[in-house]
Amino acid sequence: MTGDEPFIAAVKPLVDAIGGELLPPDEAGPDDVVLTWQGADAVAVRLPQLADSLDHILAAMERRRGVPLADLDRKAKQEVVRTLEARGAFSVRHGVETVAGALGVSRFTVYNYLNREKGT
């Protein structure tokens, strides 16, 4: 053992939050990020595809709220859209459609929420 377990335990919540995957450093591919701890490669992080990240973010928001996002009231849905916009969710291809599906609203409604924010 290299003594990197505390480091791995420390970065795991962050990797989980972004929907990444921890791998042994020797299994890292060219697009993976190898993290070094005390001068040695400790762990590799495989970053998710952007679309997968959005699904992961939506699932995490749902878990935090304790109810399906589609069951939220209009004000709470607007807050979700505002949070997602700040995180860049709508720069992802089909982001509006994905969010609309999760919220149980139309794309038009999501665009209205976005435009409402820009007008205030």
PDB file of N, CA and C in Angstrom:
ATOM      1  N   MET A   1       0.829  -1.195   0.000  1.00  0.00           N
ATOM      2  CA  MET A   1       0.000   0.000   0.000  1.00  0.00           C
ATOM      3  C   MET A   1       0.870   1.255   0.000  1.00  0.00           C
ATOM      4  N   THR A   2       0.384   2.267  -0.659  1.00  0.00           N
ATOM      5  CA  THR A   2       1.171   3.492  -0.799  1.00  0.00           C
ATOM      6  C   THR A   2       0.742   4.583   0.171  1.00  0.00           C
ATOM      7  N   GLY A   3      -0.245   4.348   0.982  1.00  0.00           N
ATOM      8  CA  GLY A   3      -0.693   5.363   1.922  1.00  0.00           C
ATOM      9  C   GLY A   3      -1.578   6.417   1.294  1.00  0.00           C
ATOM     10  N   ASP A   4      -2.146   6.114   0.115  1.00  0.00           N
ATOM     11  CA  ASP A   4      -2.970   7.105  -0.573  1.00  0.00           C
ATOM     12  C   ASP A   4      -4.457   6.965  -0.268  1.00  0.00           C
ATOM     13  N   GLU A   5      -4.831   6.018   0.592  1.00  0.00           N
ATOM     14  CA  GLU A   5      -6.254   5.816   0.887  1.00  0.00           C
ATOM     15  C   GLU A   5      -6.945   7.070   1.429  1.00  0.00           C
ATOM     16  N   PRO A   6      -6.309   7.843   2.348  1.00  0.00           N
ATOM     17  CA  PRO A   6      -6.978   9.071   2.816  1.00  0.00           C
ATOM     18  C   PRO A   6      -7.211  10.072   1.677  1.00  0.00           C
ATOM     19  N   PHE A   7      -6.251  10.166   0.776  1.00  0.00           N
ATOM     20  CA  PHE A   7      -6.393  11.068  -0.363  1.00  0.00           C
ATOM     21  C   PHE A   7      -7.551  10.626  -1.247  1.00  0.00           C
ATOM     22  N   ILE A   8      -7.608   9.348  -1.557  1.00  0.00           N
ATOM     23  CA  ILE A   8      -8.689   8.816  -2.390  1.00  0.00           C
ATOM     24  C   ILE A   8     -10.033   9.039  -1.710  1.00  0.00           C
ATOM     25  N   ALA A   9     -10.092   8.788  -0.394  1.00  0.00           N
ATOM     26  CA  ALA A   9     -11.336   9.021   0.352  1.00  0.00           C
ATOM     27  C   ALA A   9     -11.726  10.499   0.309  1.00  0.00           C
ATOM     28  N   ALA A  10     -10.732  11.377   0.301  1.00  0.00           N
ATOM     29  CA  ALA A  10     -11.013  12.817   0.277  1.00  0.00           C
ATOM     30  C   ALA A  10     -11.555  13.274  -1.074  1.00  0.00           C
ATOM     31  N   VAL A  11     -11.056  12.712  -2.181  1.00  0.00           N
ATOM     32  CA  VAL A  11     -11.503  13.170  -3.497  1.00  0.00           C
ATOM     33  C   VAL A  11     -12.752  12.437  -3.991  1.00  0.00           C
ATOM     34  N   LYS A  12     -13.074  11.292  -3.389  1.00  0.00           N
ATOM     35  CA  LYS A  12     -14.208  10.500  -3.864  1.00  0.00           C
ATOM     36  C   LYS A  12     -15.530  11.277  -3.865  1.00  0.00           C
ATOM     37  N   PRO A  13     -15.876  12.044  -2.816  1.00  0.00           N
ATOM     38  CA  PRO A  13     -17.149  12.793  -2.882  1.00  0.00           C
ATOM     39  C   PRO A  13     -17.210  13.779  -4.046  1.00  0.00           C
ATOM     40  N   LEU A  14     -16.093  14.398  -4.366  1.00  0.00           N
ATOM     41  CA  LEU A  14     -16.061  15.325  -5.506  1.00  0.00           C
ATOM     42  C   LEU A  14     -16.252  14.572  -6.814  1.00  0.00           C
ATOM     43  N   VAL A  15     -15.557  13.468  -6.966  1.00  0.00           N
ATOM     44  CA  VAL A  15     -15.675  12.664  -8.183  1.00  0.00           C
ATOM     45  C   VAL A  15     -17.102  12.144  -8.330  1.00  0.00           C
ATOM     46  N   ASP A  16     -17.689  11.696  -7.222  1.00  0.00           N
ATOM     47  CA  ASP A  16     -19.079  11.230  -7.249  1.00  0.00           C
ATOM     48  C   ASP A  16     -20.032  12.363  -7.639  1.00  0.00           C
ATOM     49  N   ALA A  17     -19.781  13.557  -7.111  1.00  0.00           N
ATOM     50  CA  ALA A  17     -20.666  14.694  -7.377  1.00  0.00           C
ATOM     51  C   ALA A  17     -20.680  15.083  -8.845  1.00  0.00           C
ATOM     52  N   ILE A  18     -19.573  14.890  -9.534  1.00  0.00           N
ATOM     53  CA  ILE A  18     -19.534  15.245 -10.955  1.00  0.00           C
ATOM     54  C   ILE A  18     -19.874  14.064 -11.844  1.00  0.00           C
ATOM     55  N   GLY A  19     -20.104  12.906 -11.231  1.00  0.00           N
ATOM     56  CA  GLY A  19     -20.448  11.727 -12.022  1.00  0.00           C
ATOM     57  C   GLY A  19     -19.241  11.056 -12.640  1.00  0.00           C
ATOM     58  N   GLY A  20     -18.065  11.294 -12.054  1.00  0.00           N
ATOM     59  CA  GLY A  20     -16.841  10.685 -12.557  1.00  0.00           C
ATOM     60  C   GLY A  20     -16.651   9.281 -12.014  1.00  0.00           C
ATOM     61  N   GLU A  21     -15.538   8.692 -12.396  1.00  0.00           N
ATOM     62  CA  GLU A  21     -15.226   7.328 -11.976  1.00  0.00           C
ATOM     63  C   GLU A  21     -13.766   7.274 -11.549  1.00  0.00           C
ATOM     64  N   LEU A  22     -13.489   6.635 -10.407  1.00  0.00           N
ATOM     65  CA  LEU A  22     -12.123   6.446  -9.945  1.00  0.00           C
ATOM     66  C   LEU A  22     -11.560   5.165 -10.541  1.00  0.00           C
ATOM     67  N   LEU A  23     -10.309   5.236 -10.996  1.00  0.00           N
ATOM     68  CA  LEU A  23      -9.633   4.085 -11.592  1.00  0.00           C
ATOM     69  C   LEU A  23      -8.212   3.986 -11.051  1.00  0.00           C
ATOM     70  N   PRO A  24      -7.629   2.782 -11.092  1.00  0.00           N
ATOM     71  CA  PRO A  24      -6.200   2.700 -10.783  1.00  0.00           C
ATOM     72  C   PRO A  24      -5.424   3.533 -11.810  1.00  0.00           C
ATOM     73  N   PRO A  25      -4.369   4.202 -11.387  1.00  0.00           N
ATOM     74  CA  PRO A  25      -3.629   5.079 -12.309  1.00  0.00           C
ATOM     75  C   PRO A  25      -3.111   4.361 -13.558  1.00  0.00           C
ATOM     76  N   ASP A  26      -2.772   3.080 -13.444  1.00  0.00           N
ATOM     77  CA  ASP A  26      -2.238   2.367 -14.601  1.00  0.00           C
ATOM     78  C   ASP A  26      -3.312   2.009 -15.625  1.00  0.00           C
ATOM     79  N   GLU A  27      -4.586   2.259 -15.285  1.00  0.00           N
ATOM     80  CA  GLU A  27      -5.686   2.025 -16.228  1.00  0.00           C
ATOM     81  C   GLU A  27      -6.173   3.315 -16.880  1.00  0.00           C
ATOM     82  N   ALA A  28      -5.488   4.413 -16.590  1.00  0.00           N
ATOM     83  CA  ALA A  28      -5.897   5.719 -17.114  1.00  0.00           C
ATOM     84  C   ALA A  28      -5.736   5.780 -18.620  1.00  0.00           C
ATOM     85  N   GLY A  29      -6.738   6.349 -19.257  1.00  0.00           N
ATOM     86  CA  GLY A  29      -6.680   6.593 -20.686  1.00  0.00           C
ATOM     87  C   GLY A  29      -6.173   7.998 -20.943  1.00  0.00           C
ATOM     88  N   PRO A  30      -6.051   8.366 -22.200  1.00  0.00           N
ATOM     89  CA  PRO A  30      -5.506   9.691 -22.537  1.00  0.00           C
ATOM     90  C   PRO A  30      -6.385  10.858 -22.084  1.00  0.00           C
ATOM     91  N   ASP A  31      -7.683  10.639 -21.912  1.00  0.00           N
ATOM     92  CA  ASP A  31      -8.569  11.714 -21.481  1.00  0.00           C
ATOM     93  C   ASP A  31      -8.837  11.705 -19.981  1.00  0.00           C
ATOM     94  N   ASP A  32      -8.262  10.745 -19.253  1.00  0.00           N
ATOM     95  CA  ASP A  32      -8.449  10.669 -17.814  1.00  0.00           C
ATOM     96  C   ASP A  32      -7.460  11.596 -17.113  1.00  0.00           C
ATOM     97  N   VAL A  33      -7.784  11.968 -15.882  1.00  0.00           N
ATOM     98  CA  VAL A  33      -6.935  12.840 -15.088  1.00  0.00           C
ATOM     99  C   VAL A  33      -6.295  11.991 -13.989  1.00  0.00           C
ATOM    100  N   VAL A  34      -4.968  11.939 -13.977  1.00  0.00           N
ATOM    101  CA  VAL A  34      -4.249  11.182 -12.951  1.00  0.00           C
ATOM    102  C   VAL A  34      -3.881  12.148 -11.824  1.00  0.00           C
ATOM    103  N   LEU A  35      -4.306  11.793 -10.606  1.00  0.00           N
ATOM    104  CA  LEU A  35      -4.014  12.619  -9.435  1.00  0.00           C
ATOM    105  C   LEU A  35      -2.810  12.039  -8.697  1.00  0.00           C
ATOM    106  N   THR A  36      -1.925  12.920  -8.292  1.00  0.00           N
ATOM    107  CA  THR A  36      -0.705  12.528  -7.595  1.00  0.00           C
ATOM    108  C   THR A  36      -0.824  12.878  -6.123  1.00  0.00           C
ATOM    109  N   TRP A  37      -0.337  11.982  -5.282  1.00  0.00           N
ATOM    110  CA  TRP A  37      -0.361  12.193  -3.834  1.00  0.00           C
ATOM    111  C   TRP A  37       0.997  11.804  -3.288  1.00  0.00           C
ATOM    112  N   GLN A  38       1.626  12.710  -2.604  1.00  0.00           N
ATOM    113  CA  GLN A  38       2.938  12.494  -1.998  1.00  0.00           C
ATOM    114  C   GLN A  38       3.944  11.944  -3.007  1.00  0.00           C
ATOM    115  N   GLY A  39       3.947  12.547  -4.185  1.00  0.00           N
ATOM    116  CA  GLY A  39       4.933  12.224  -5.196  1.00  0.00           C
ATOM    117  C   GLY A  39       4.663  10.989  -6.035  1.00  0.00           C
ATOM    118  N   ALA A  40       3.532  10.342  -5.843  1.00  0.00           N
ATOM    119  CA  ALA A  40       3.224   9.130  -6.611  1.00  0.00           C
ATOM    120  C   ALA A  40       1.814   9.234  -7.185  1.00  0.00           C
ATOM    121  N   ASP A  41       1.602   8.609  -8.340  1.00  0.00           N
ATOM    122  CA  ASP A  41       0.258   8.557  -8.913  1.00  0.00           C
ATOM    123  C   ASP A  41      -0.637   7.753  -7.978  1.00  0.00           C
ATOM    124  N   ALA A  42      -1.726   8.382  -7.512  1.00  0.00           N
ATOM    125  CA  ALA A  42      -2.598   7.745  -6.526  1.00  0.00           C
ATOM    126  C   ALA A  42      -3.849   7.157  -7.153  1.00  0.00           C
ATOM    127  N   VAL A  43      -4.454   7.913  -8.050  1.00  0.00           N
ATOM    128  CA  VAL A  43      -5.728   7.494  -8.617  1.00  0.00           C
ATOM    129  C   VAL A  43      -5.967   8.263  -9.915  1.00  0.00           C
ATOM    130  N   ALA A  44      -6.696   7.648 -10.814  1.00  0.00           N
ATOM    131  CA  ALA A  44      -7.100   8.329 -12.040  1.00  0.00           C
ATOM    132  C   ALA A  44      -8.591   8.623 -11.955  1.00  0.00           C
ATOM    133  N   VAL A  45      -8.988   9.724 -12.564  1.00  0.00           N
ATOM    134  CA  VAL A  45     -10.394  10.113 -12.590  1.00  0.00           C
ATOM    135  C   VAL A  45     -10.846  10.135 -14.040  1.00  0.00           C
ATOM    136  N   ARG A  46     -11.868   9.357 -14.321  1.00  0.00           N
ATOM    137  CA  ARG A  46     -12.488   9.376 -15.643  1.00  0.00           C
ATOM    138  C   ARG A  46     -13.668  10.336 -15.557  1.00  0.00           C
ATOM    139  N   LEU A  47     -13.572  11.420 -16.287  1.00  0.00           N
ATOM    140  CA  LEU A  47     -14.624  12.438 -16.276  1.00  0.00           C
ATOM    141  C   LEU A  47     -15.806  11.964 -17.122  1.00  0.00           C
ATOM    142  N   PRO A  48     -17.004  12.345 -16.729  1.00  0.00           N
ATOM    143  CA  PRO A  48     -18.181  11.926 -17.492  1.00  0.00           C
ATOM    144  C   PRO A  48     -18.359  12.754 -18.749  1.00  0.00           C
ATOM    145  N   GLN A  49     -19.138  12.223 -19.668  1.00  0.00           N
ATOM    146  CA  GLN A  49     -19.561  13.003 -20.823  1.00  0.00           C
ATOM    147  C   GLN A  49     -20.493  14.095 -20.305  1.00  0.00           C
ATOM    148  N   LEU A  50     -20.539  15.239 -20.964  1.00  0.00           N
ATOM    149  CA  LEU A  50     -21.359  16.352 -20.476  1.00  0.00           C
ATOM    150  C   LEU A  50     -22.823  15.969 -20.315  1.00  0.00           C
ATOM    151  N   ALA A  51     -23.379  15.243 -21.267  1.00  0.00           N
ATOM    152  CA  ALA A  51     -24.790  14.862 -21.162  1.00  0.00           C
ATOM    153  C   ALA A  51     -25.021  13.969 -19.953  1.00  0.00           C
ATOM    154  N   ASP A  52     -24.081  13.073 -19.666  1.00  0.00           N
ATOM    155  CA  ASP A  52     -24.201  12.226 -18.485  1.00  0.00           C
ATOM    156  C   ASP A  52     -24.112  13.059 -17.214  1.00  0.00           C
ATOM    157  N   SER A  53     -23.275  14.103 -17.247  1.00  0.00           N
ATOM    158  CA  SER A  53     -23.157  14.986 -16.087  1.00  0.00           C
ATOM    159  C   SER A  53     -24.492  15.649 -15.777  1.00  0.00           C
ATOM    160  N   LEU A  54     -25.199  16.086 -16.793  1.00  0.00           N
ATOM    161  CA  LEU A  54     -26.482  16.738 -16.576  1.00  0.00           C
ATOM    162  C   LEU A  54     -27.465  15.770 -15.923  1.00  0.00           C
ATOM    163  N   ASP A  55     -27.519  14.547 -16.414  1.00  0.00           N
ATOM    164  CA  ASP A  55     -28.392  13.548 -15.787  1.00  0.00           C
ATOM    165  C   ASP A  55     -27.995  13.322 -14.339  1.00  0.00           C
ATOM    166  N   HIS A  56     -26.696  13.280 -14.073  1.00  0.00           N
ATOM    167  CA  HIS A  56     -26.201  13.076 -12.714  1.00  0.00           C
ATOM    168  C   HIS A  56     -26.583  14.259 -11.820  1.00  0.00           C
ATOM    169  N   ILE A  57     -26.438  15.467 -12.333  1.00  0.00           N
ATOM    170  CA  ILE A  57     -26.794  16.667 -11.564  1.00  0.00           C
ATOM    171  C   ILE A  57     -28.285  16.667 -11.244  1.00  0.00           C
ATOM    172  N   LEU A  58     -29.110  16.332 -12.229  1.00  0.00           N
ATOM    173  CA  LEU A  58     -30.559  16.289 -12.003  1.00  0.00           C
ATOM    174  C   LEU A  58     -30.915  15.251 -10.944  1.00  0.00           C
ATOM    175  N   ALA A  59     -30.295  14.079 -11.008  1.00  0.00           N
ATOM    176  CA  ALA A  59     -30.563  13.033 -10.019  1.00  0.00           C
ATOM    177  C   ALA A  59     -30.133  13.482  -8.624  1.00  0.00           C
ATOM    178  N   ALA A  60     -29.002  14.163  -8.523  1.00  0.00           N
ATOM    179  CA  ALA A  60     -28.527  14.656  -7.229  1.00  0.00           C
ATOM    180  C   ALA A  60     -29.468  15.722  -6.674  1.00  0.00           C
ATOM    181  N   MET A  61     -29.965  16.597  -7.544  1.00  0.00           N
ATOM    182  CA  MET A  61     -30.910  17.627  -7.096  1.00  0.00           C
ATOM    183  C   MET A  61     -32.190  16.969  -6.571  1.00  0.00           C
ATOM    184  N   GLU A  62     -32.618  15.938  -7.252  1.00  0.00           N
ATOM    185  CA  GLU A  62     -33.819  15.220  -6.834  1.00  0.00           C
ATOM    186  C   GLU A  62     -33.597  14.550  -5.474  1.00  0.00           C
ATOM    187  N   ARG A  63     -32.444  13.931  -5.301  1.00  0.00           N
ATOM    188  CA  ARG A  63     -32.140  13.283  -4.016  1.00  0.00           C
ATOM    189  C   ARG A  63     -32.106  14.304  -2.889  1.00  0.00           C
ATOM    190  N   ARG A  64     -31.474  15.452  -3.134  1.00  0.00           N
ATOM    191  CA  ARG A  64     -31.389  16.489  -2.098  1.00  0.00           C
ATOM    192  C   ARG A  64     -32.762  17.001  -1.699  1.00  0.00           C
ATOM    193  N   ARG A  65     -33.636  17.150  -2.666  1.00  0.00           N
ATOM    194  CA  ARG A  65     -34.973  17.681  -2.377  1.00  0.00           C
ATOM    195  C   ARG A  65     -35.907  16.609  -1.823  1.00  0.00           C
ATOM    196  N   GLY A  66     -35.592  15.357  -2.065  1.00  0.00           N
ATOM    197  CA  GLY A  66     -36.385  14.268  -1.510  1.00  0.00           C
ATOM    198  C   GLY A  66     -37.676  13.969  -2.254  1.00  0.00           C
ATOM    199  N   VAL A  67     -37.878  14.619  -3.388  1.00  0.00           N
ATOM    200  CA  VAL A  67     -39.068  14.372  -4.208  1.00  0.00           C
ATOM    201  C   VAL A  67     -38.669  14.464  -5.672  1.00  0.00           C
ATOM    202  N   PRO A  68     -39.428  13.817  -6.546  1.00  0.00           N
ATOM    203  CA  PRO A  68     -39.142  13.985  -7.974  1.00  0.00           C
ATOM    204  C   PRO A  68     -39.235  15.463  -8.355  1.00  0.00           C
ATOM    205  N   LEU A  69     -38.330  15.909  -9.209  1.00  0.00           N
ATOM    206  CA  LEU A  69     -38.339  17.317  -9.618  1.00  0.00           C
ATOM    207  C   LEU A  69     -39.660  17.694 -10.276  1.00  0.00           C
ATOM    208  N   ALA A  70     -40.290  16.748 -10.934  1.00  0.00           N
ATOM    209  CA  ALA A  70     -41.576  17.019 -11.588  1.00  0.00           C
ATOM    210  C   ALA A  70     -42.672  17.343 -10.579  1.00  0.00           C
ATOM    211  N   ASP A  71     -42.483  16.954  -9.322  1.00  0.00           N
ATOM    212  CA  ASP A  71     -43.493  17.206  -8.287  1.00  0.00           C
ATOM    213  C   ASP A  71     -43.313  18.550  -7.592  1.00  0.00           C
ATOM    214  N   LEU A  72     -42.279  19.292  -7.926  1.00  0.00           N
ATOM    215  CA  LEU A  72     -42.047  20.596  -7.310  1.00  0.00           C
ATOM    216  C   LEU A  72     -43.068  21.615  -7.801  1.00  0.00           C
ATOM    217  N   ASP A  73     -43.281  22.654  -6.993  1.00  0.00           N
ATOM    218  CA  ASP A  73     -44.168  23.732  -7.444  1.00  0.00           C
ATOM    219  C   ASP A  73     -43.404  24.622  -8.435  1.00  0.00           C
ATOM    220  N   ARG A  74     -44.130  25.529  -9.063  1.00  0.00           N
ATOM    221  CA  ARG A  74     -43.552  26.366 -10.118  1.00  0.00           C
ATOM    222  C   ARG A  74     -42.354  27.155  -9.613  1.00  0.00           C
ATOM    223  N   LYS A  75     -42.444  27.750  -8.452  1.00  0.00           N
ATOM    224  CA  LYS A  75     -41.343  28.558  -7.916  1.00  0.00           C
ATOM    225  C   LYS A  75     -40.095  27.695  -7.711  1.00  0.00           C
ATOM    226  N   ALA A  76     -40.256  26.504  -7.190  1.00  0.00           N
ATOM    227  CA  ALA A  76     -39.122  25.604  -6.972  1.00  0.00           C
ATOM    228  C   ALA A  76     -38.522  25.155  -8.310  1.00  0.00           C
ATOM    229  N   LYS A  77     -39.368  24.917  -9.299  1.00  0.00           N
ATOM    230  CA  LYS A  77     -38.860  24.543 -10.628  1.00  0.00           C
ATOM    231  C   LYS A  77     -38.059  25.691 -11.234  1.00  0.00           C
ATOM    232  N   GLN A  78     -38.521  26.916 -11.034  1.00  0.00           N
ATOM    233  CA  GLN A  78     -37.776  28.072 -11.532  1.00  0.00           C
ATOM    234  C   GLN A  78     -36.414  28.158 -10.846  1.00  0.00           C
ATOM    235  N   GLU A  79     -36.375  27.842  -9.563  1.00  0.00           N
ATOM    236  CA  GLU A  79     -35.113  27.841  -8.818  1.00  0.00           C
ATOM    237  C   GLU A  79     -34.165  26.771  -9.370  1.00  0.00           C
ATOM    238  N   VAL A  80     -34.703  25.607  -9.688  1.00  0.00           N
ATOM    239  CA  VAL A  80     -33.894  24.538 -10.277  1.00  0.00           C
ATOM    240  C   VAL A  80     -33.311  25.003 -11.605  1.00  0.00           C
ATOM    241  N   VAL A  81     -34.127  25.621 -12.441  1.00  0.00           N
ATOM    242  CA  VAL A  81     -33.656  26.115 -13.736  1.00  0.00           C
ATOM    243  C   VAL A  81     -32.568  27.169 -13.540  1.00  0.00           C
ATOM    244  N   ARG A  82     -32.738  28.048 -12.587  1.00  0.00           N
ATOM    245  CA  ARG A  82     -31.744  29.088 -12.300  1.00  0.00           C
ATOM    246  C   ARG A  82     -30.412  28.442 -11.870  1.00  0.00           C
ATOM    247  N   THR A  83     -30.486  27.442 -11.010  1.00  0.00           N
ATOM    248  CA  THR A  83     -29.284  26.740 -10.554  1.00  0.00           C
ATOM    249  C   THR A  83     -28.602  26.026 -11.716  1.00  0.00           C
ATOM    250  N   LEU A  84     -29.401  25.355 -12.537  1.00  0.00           N
ATOM    251  CA  LEU A  84     -28.841  24.629 -13.679  1.00  0.00           C
ATOM    252  C   LEU A  84     -28.220  25.586 -14.699  1.00  0.00           C
ATOM    253  N   GLU A  85     -28.846  26.725 -14.896  1.00  0.00           N
ATOM    254  CA  GLU A  85     -28.270  27.695 -15.826  1.00  0.00           C
ATOM    255  C   GLU A  85     -26.907  28.165 -15.322  1.00  0.00           C
ATOM    256  N   ALA A  86     -26.802  28.417 -14.016  1.00  0.00           N
ATOM    257  CA  ALA A  86     -25.533  28.848 -13.435  1.00  0.00           C
ATOM    258  C   ALA A  86     -24.449  27.784 -13.595  1.00  0.00           C
ATOM    259  N   ARG A  87     -24.860  26.533 -13.657  1.00  0.00           N
ATOM    260  CA  ARG A  87     -23.899  25.426 -13.806  1.00  0.00           C
ATOM    261  C   ARG A  87     -23.645  25.069 -15.271  1.00  0.00           C
ATOM    262  N   GLY A  88     -24.252  25.801 -16.196  1.00  0.00           N
ATOM    263  CA  GLY A  88     -23.990  25.587 -17.613  1.00  0.00           C
ATOM    264  C   GLY A  88     -24.791  24.467 -18.252  1.00  0.00           C
ATOM    265  N   ALA A  89     -25.880  24.065 -17.610  1.00  0.00           N
ATOM    266  CA  ALA A  89     -26.662  22.926 -18.106  1.00  0.00           C
ATOM    267  C   ALA A  89     -27.239  23.158 -19.489  1.00  0.00           C
ATOM    268  N   PHE A  90     -27.471  24.395 -19.838  1.00  0.00           N
ATOM    269  CA  PHE A  90     -28.145  24.651 -21.106  1.00  0.00           C
ATOM    270  C   PHE A  90     -27.172  24.851 -22.261  1.00  0.00           C
ATOM    271  N   SER A  91     -25.887  24.684 -21.973  1.00  0.00           N
ATOM    272  CA  SER A  91     -24.901  24.685 -23.053  1.00  0.00           C
ATOM    273  C   SER A  91     -24.686  23.268 -23.584  1.00  0.00           C
ATOM    274  N   VAL A  92     -25.230  22.295 -22.886  1.00  0.00           N
ATOM    275  CA  VAL A  92     -25.142  20.889 -23.296  1.00  0.00           C
ATOM    276  C   VAL A  92     -26.199  20.630 -24.361  1.00  0.00           C
ATOM    277  N   ARG A  93     -25.832  19.901 -25.383  1.00  0.00           N
ATOM    278  CA  ARG A  93     -26.797  19.565 -26.425  1.00  0.00           C
ATOM    279  C   ARG A  93     -28.000  18.864 -25.808  1.00  0.00           C
ATOM    280  N   HIS A  94     -29.172  19.291 -26.164  1.00  0.00           N
ATOM    281  CA  HIS A  94     -30.447  18.779 -25.655  1.00  0.00           C
ATOM    282  C   HIS A  94     -30.640  19.064 -24.161  1.00  0.00           C
ATOM    283  N   GLY A  95     -29.906  20.038 -23.634  1.00  0.00           N
ATOM    284  CA  GLY A  95     -30.016  20.375 -22.215  1.00  0.00           C
ATOM    285  C   GLY A  95     -31.412  20.834 -21.833  1.00  0.00           C
ATOM    286  N   VAL A  96     -31.997  21.690 -22.651  1.00  0.00           N
ATOM    287  CA  VAL A  96     -33.345  22.187 -22.343  1.00  0.00           C
ATOM    288  C   VAL A  96     -34.338  21.026 -22.337  1.00  0.00           C
ATOM    289  N   GLU A  97     -34.232  20.151 -23.325  1.00  0.00           N
ATOM    290  CA  GLU A  97     -35.152  19.011 -23.401  1.00  0.00           C
ATOM    291  C   GLU A  97     -34.972  18.078 -22.199  1.00  0.00           C
ATOM    292  N   THR A  98     -33.729  17.838 -21.811  1.00  0.00           N
ATOM    293  CA  THR A  98     -33.453  16.964 -20.672  1.00  0.00           C
ATOM    294  C   THR A  98     -34.024  17.541 -19.390  1.00  0.00           C
ATOM    295  N   VAL A  99     -33.809  18.833 -19.182  1.00  0.00           N
ATOM    296  CA  VAL A  99     -34.318  19.498 -17.976  1.00  0.00           C
ATOM    297  C   VAL A  99     -35.844  19.537 -18.001  1.00  0.00           C
ATOM    298  N   ALA A 100     -36.419  19.853 -19.151  1.00  0.00           N
ATOM    299  CA  ALA A 100     -37.881  19.892 -19.260  1.00  0.00           C
ATOM    300  C   ALA A 100     -38.467  18.527 -18.885  1.00  0.00           C
ATOM    301  N   GLY A 101     -37.866  17.456 -19.386  1.00  0.00           N
ATOM    302  CA  GLY A 101     -38.350  16.117 -19.063  1.00  0.00           C
ATOM    303  C   GLY A 101     -38.269  15.825 -17.578  1.00  0.00           C
ATOM    304  N   ALA A 102     -37.165  16.216 -16.950  1.00  0.00           N
ATOM    305  CA  ALA A 102     -36.995  15.968 -15.518  1.00  0.00           C
ATOM    306  C   ALA A 102     -37.988  16.774 -14.684  1.00  0.00           C
ATOM    307  N   LEU A 103     -38.302  17.988 -15.152  1.00  0.00           N
ATOM    308  CA  LEU A 103     -39.225  18.852 -14.408  1.00  0.00           C
ATOM    309  C   LEU A 103     -40.689  18.574 -14.746  1.00  0.00           C
ATOM    310  N   GLY A 104     -40.918  17.795 -15.789  1.00  0.00           N
ATOM    311  CA  GLY A 104     -42.299  17.513 -16.194  1.00  0.00           C
ATOM    312  C   GLY A 104     -42.985  18.719 -16.802  1.00  0.00           C
ATOM    313  N   VAL A 105     -42.204  19.537 -17.512  1.00  0.00           N
ATOM    314  CA  VAL A 105     -42.747  20.725 -18.170  1.00  0.00           C
ATOM    315  C   VAL A 105     -42.312  20.697 -19.635  1.00  0.00           C
ATOM    316  N   SER A 106     -42.823  21.622 -20.404  1.00  0.00           N
ATOM    317  CA  SER A 106     -42.434  21.703 -21.817  1.00  0.00           C
ATOM    318  C   SER A 106     -41.129  22.480 -21.962  1.00  0.00           C
ATOM    319  N   ARG A 107     -40.510  22.333 -23.129  1.00  0.00           N
ATOM    320  CA  ARG A 107     -39.320  23.135 -23.442  1.00  0.00           C
ATOM    321  C   ARG A 107     -39.668  24.617 -23.378  1.00  0.00           C
ATOM    322  N   PHE A 108     -40.844  24.947 -23.888  1.00  0.00           N
ATOM    323  CA  PHE A 108     -41.306  26.332 -23.886  1.00  0.00           C
ATOM    324  C   PHE A 108     -41.314  26.896 -22.463  1.00  0.00           C
ATOM    325  N   THR A 109     -41.761  26.097 -21.501  1.00  0.00           N
ATOM    326  CA  THR A 109     -41.797  26.539 -20.107  1.00  0.00           C
ATOM    327  C   THR A 109     -40.382  26.782 -19.586  1.00  0.00           C
ATOM    328  N   VAL A 110     -39.456  25.890 -19.900  1.00  0.00           N
ATOM    329  CA  VAL A 110     -38.072  26.091 -19.465  1.00  0.00           C
ATOM    330  C   VAL A 110     -37.528  27.383 -20.068  1.00  0.00           C
ATOM    331  N   TYR A 111     -37.784  27.612 -21.359  1.00  0.00           N
ATOM    332  CA  TYR A 111     -37.335  28.864 -21.985  1.00  0.00           C
ATOM    333  C   TYR A 111     -37.984  30.070 -21.300  1.00  0.00           C
ATOM    334  N   ASN A 112     -39.232  29.953 -20.923  1.00  0.00           N
ATOM    335  CA  ASN A 112     -39.879  31.050 -20.203  1.00  0.00           C
ATOM    336  C   ASN A 112     -39.193  31.319 -18.861  1.00  0.00           C
ATOM    337  N   TYR A 113     -38.866  30.239 -18.149  1.00  0.00           N
ATOM    338  CA  TYR A 113     -38.150  30.410 -16.874  1.00  0.00           C
ATOM    339  C   TYR A 113     -36.803  31.102 -17.100  1.00  0.00           C
ATOM    340  N   LEU A 114     -36.102  30.694 -18.155  1.00  0.00           N
ATOM    341  CA  LEU A 114     -34.807  31.304 -18.461  1.00  0.00           C
ATOM    342  C   LEU A 114     -34.970  32.777 -18.835  1.00  0.00           C
ATOM    343  N   ASN A 115     -35.954  33.064 -19.655  1.00  0.00           N
ATOM    344  CA  ASN A 115     -36.179  34.458 -20.069  1.00  0.00           C
ATOM    345  C   ASN A 115     -36.643  35.316 -18.911  1.00  0.00           C
ATOM    346  N   ARG A 116     -37.415  34.769 -18.003  1.00  0.00           N
ATOM    347  CA  ARG A 116     -37.891  35.495 -16.828  1.00  0.00           C
ATOM    348  C   ARG A 116     -36.688  35.933 -15.989  1.00  0.00           C
ATOM    349  N   GLU A 117     -35.703  35.042 -15.845  1.00  0.00           N
ATOM    350  CA  GLU A 117     -34.521  35.360 -15.075  1.00  0.00           C
ATOM    351  C   GLU A 117     -33.725  36.490 -15.722  1.00  0.00           C
ATOM    352  N   LYS A 118     -33.637  36.475 -17.031  1.00  0.00           N
ATOM    353  CA  LYS A 118     -32.872  37.512 -17.729  1.00  0.00           C
ATOM    354  C   LYS A 118     -33.577  38.863 -17.654  1.00  0.00           C
ATOM    355  N   GLY A 119     -34.890  38.845 -17.475  1.00  0.00           N
ATOM    356  CA  GLY A 119     -35.647  40.086 -17.413  1.00  0.00           C
ATOM    357  C   GLY A 119     -35.696  40.728 -16.052  1.00  0.00           C
ATOM    358  N   THR A 120     -35.216  40.014 -15.016  1.00  0.00           N
ATOM    359  CA  THR A 120     -35.277  40.570 -13.665  1.00  0.00           C
ATOM    360  C   THR A 120     -33.954  41.117 -13.217  1.00  0.00           C
TER     361      THR A 120
END
